[in-house]
Amino acid sequence: MKKKLSSKAALHRLKLGADRDAQKEQGYFDGRFVQRAEPSEKLYTRKQKHKPKKNDDL
């Protein structure tokens, strides 16, 4: 059986929904927080080890 929400939790959800609607009207979610065009230099990238390619032994 599904657990019933307490009245306090239900009120909290209503408040969060109202706050989010207000933010949408103000333009908070207009695409400003999208992925970067250029990747950050701080991101870790694993370097490839020197492995022979399949065509190197020719």
Protein backbone atom coordinates (compact mmCIF):
# COMPACT_ATOMS: atom_id res chain seq x y z
CA MET A 1 0.00 0.00 0.00
CA LYS A 2 1.15 3.50 -0.78
CA LYS A 3 2.11 5.62 2.19
CA LYS A 4 -0.02 8.74 2.77
CA LEU A 5 1.72 12.09 2.90
CA SER A 6 1.50 14.05 6.07
CA SER A 7 -0.19 17.41 5.84
CA LYS A 8 3.18 19.10 6.38
CA ALA A 9 4.74 17.25 3.42
CA ALA A 10 1.76 18.04 1.20
CA LEU A 11 2.01 21.74 2.04
CA HIS A 12 5.75 21.65 1.35
CA ARG A 13 5.14 20.16 -2.11
CA LEU A 14 2.54 22.83 -2.88
CA LYS A 15 4.98 25.56 -1.85
CA LEU A 16 7.78 24.09 -3.98
CA GLY A 17 5.48 23.89 -6.99
CA ALA A 18 4.39 27.49 -6.55
CA ASP A 19 8.02 28.63 -6.22
CA ARG A 20 8.97 26.76 -9.37
CA ASP A 21 6.08 28.27 -11.33
CA ALA A 22 7.17 31.73 -10.22
CA GLN A 23 10.74 30.99 -11.33
CA LYS A 24 9.50 29.80 -14.74
CA GLU A 25 7.62 33.07 -15.20
CA GLN A 26 10.79 35.00 -14.36
CA GLY A 27 12.77 33.03 -16.96
CA TYR A 28 14.94 30.86 -14.74
CA PHE A 29 14.55 27.79 -16.95
CA ASP A 30 15.14 29.37 -20.37
CA GLY A 31 18.14 27.26 -21.35
CA ARG A 32 20.87 29.20 -19.62
CA PHE A 33 22.05 26.11 -17.80
CA VAL A 34 23.02 23.91 -20.74
CA GLN A 35 26.20 21.96 -21.37
CA ARG A 36 29.30 23.96 -22.11
CA ALA A 37 30.25 24.58 -25.72
CA GLU A 38 33.86 23.78 -24.85
CA PRO A 39 34.67 21.06 -22.33
CA SER A 40 36.26 22.19 -19.11
CA GLU A 41 40.00 21.66 -18.78
CA LYS A 42 39.47 20.37 -15.26
CA LEU A 43 37.62 17.25 -16.44
CA TYR A 44 39.63 14.05 -16.13
CA THR A 45 40.30 12.22 -19.37
CA ARG A 46 42.09 8.91 -19.36
CA LYS A 47 45.03 8.87 -21.76
CA GLN A 48 45.27 5.92 -24.14
CA LYS A 49 48.18 3.58 -23.57
CA HIS A 50 50.52 2.90 -26.45
CA LYS A 51 48.96 -0.15 -28.01
CA PRO A 52 49.98 -1.35 -31.45
CA LYS A 53 47.36 -0.75 -34.10
CA LYS A 54 46.11 -3.63 -36.17
CA ASN A 55 47.87 -2.38 -39.34
CA ASP A 56 51.24 -1.53 -37.71
CA ASP A 57 52.83 -4.95 -38.29
CA LEU A 58 52.75 -4.62 -42.10
